[in-house]
Amino acid sequence: MFAEIVCKDISELRDVLHEKLQKIKGIERTETFISLEESFSRSVKVLDQ
């Protein structure tokens, strides 16, 4: 299985791998590939100040 996960930083990635994925029954191991060239756009809602 291949899953693409977007994290804001390495700390969040660590949390996803160790605290979320590894706790799912049936997952025995993971292999991580980090893409530094991936670009994406986010919708940001600006709140009135």
C-alpha atoms as a PDB file:
ATOM      1  CA  MET A   1       0.000   0.000   0.000  1.00  0.00           C
ATOM      2  CA  PHE A   2       1.188   3.524  -0.732  1.00  0.00           C
ATOM      3  CA  ALA A   3      -0.067   6.547   1.182  1.00  0.00           C
ATOM      4  CA  GLU A   4       0.846  10.185   0.668  1.00  0.00           C
ATOM      5  CA  ILE A   5       0.871  12.185   3.890  1.00  0.00           C
ATOM      6  CA  VAL A   6       1.556  15.915   4.031  1.00  0.00           C
ATOM      7  CA  CYS A   7       2.992  17.172   7.335  1.00  0.00           C
ATOM      8  CA  LYS A   8       3.901  20.673   8.409  1.00  0.00           C
ATOM      9  CA  ASP A   9       7.234  19.605   9.939  1.00  0.00           C
ATOM     10  CA  ILE A  10       9.344  16.618  10.993  1.00  0.00           C
ATOM     11  CA  SER A  11       7.758  16.567  14.441  1.00  0.00           C
ATOM     12  CA  GLU A  12       4.312  16.085  12.952  1.00  0.00           C
ATOM     13  CA  LEU A  13       5.670  13.379  10.634  1.00  0.00           C
ATOM     14  CA  ARG A  14       7.163  11.550  13.623  1.00  0.00           C
ATOM     15  CA  ASP A  15       3.821  11.737  15.434  1.00  0.00           C
ATOM     16  CA  VAL A  16       1.915  10.398  12.426  1.00  0.00           C
ATOM     17  CA  LEU A  17       4.349   7.506  11.945  1.00  0.00           C
ATOM     18  CA  HIS A  18       4.790   6.447  15.560  1.00  0.00           C
ATOM     19  CA  GLU A  19       1.563   7.446  17.275  1.00  0.00           C
ATOM     20  CA  LYS A  20      -0.959   6.894  14.499  1.00  0.00           C
ATOM     21  CA  LEU A  21       0.176   4.492  11.739  1.00  0.00           C
ATOM     22  CA  GLN A  22       2.110   2.026  13.900  1.00  0.00           C
ATOM     23  CA  LYS A  23      -0.925   1.609  16.172  1.00  0.00           C
ATOM     24  CA  ILE A  24      -3.137   0.391  13.308  1.00  0.00           C
ATOM     25  CA  LYS A  25      -3.629  -3.366  13.499  1.00  0.00           C
ATOM     26  CA  GLY A  26      -1.875  -5.109  10.630  1.00  0.00           C
ATOM     27  CA  ILE A  27       0.820  -2.494  10.017  1.00  0.00           C
ATOM     28  CA  GLU A  28       4.142  -4.139  10.764  1.00  0.00           C
ATOM     29  CA  ARG A  29       6.523  -1.572   9.316  1.00  0.00           C
ATOM     30  CA  THR A  30       6.661   1.639   7.318  1.00  0.00           C
ATOM     31  CA  GLU A  31       9.097   3.091   4.829  1.00  0.00           C
ATOM     32  CA  THR A  32       9.317   6.864   4.463  1.00  0.00           C
ATOM     33  CA  PHE A  33      10.226   8.888   1.375  1.00  0.00           C
ATOM     34  CA  ILE A  34      10.461  12.648   1.803  1.00  0.00           C
ATOM     35  CA  SER A  35       9.788  14.921  -1.157  1.00  0.00           C
ATOM     36  CA  LEU A  36      11.367  18.358  -0.914  1.00  0.00           C
ATOM     37  CA  GLU A  37      10.249  19.501  -4.353  1.00  0.00           C
ATOM     38  CA  GLU A  38       6.522  18.966  -3.865  1.00  0.00           C
ATOM     39  CA  SER A  39       4.581  22.175  -4.041  1.00  0.00           C
ATOM     40  CA  PHE A  40       0.935  22.696  -3.252  1.00  0.00           C
ATOM     41  CA  SER A  41      -1.376  25.574  -2.547  1.00  0.00           C
ATOM     42  CA  ARG A  42      -3.527  26.016   0.526  1.00  0.00           C
ATOM     43  CA  SER A  43      -6.641  28.058   0.977  1.00  0.00           C
ATOM     44  CA  VAL A  44      -6.067  30.456   3.837  1.00  0.00           C
ATOM     45  CA  LYS A  45      -8.931  32.307   5.463  1.00  0.00           C
ATOM     46  CA  VAL A  46      -7.895  35.735   6.704  1.00  0.00           C
ATOM     47  CA  LEU A  47      -9.742  36.819   9.805  1.00  0.00           C
ATOM     48  CA  ASP A  48     -10.671  40.474  10.329  1.00  0.00           C
ATOM     49  CA  GLN A  49      -8.592  42.077  13.069  1.00  0.00           C
END
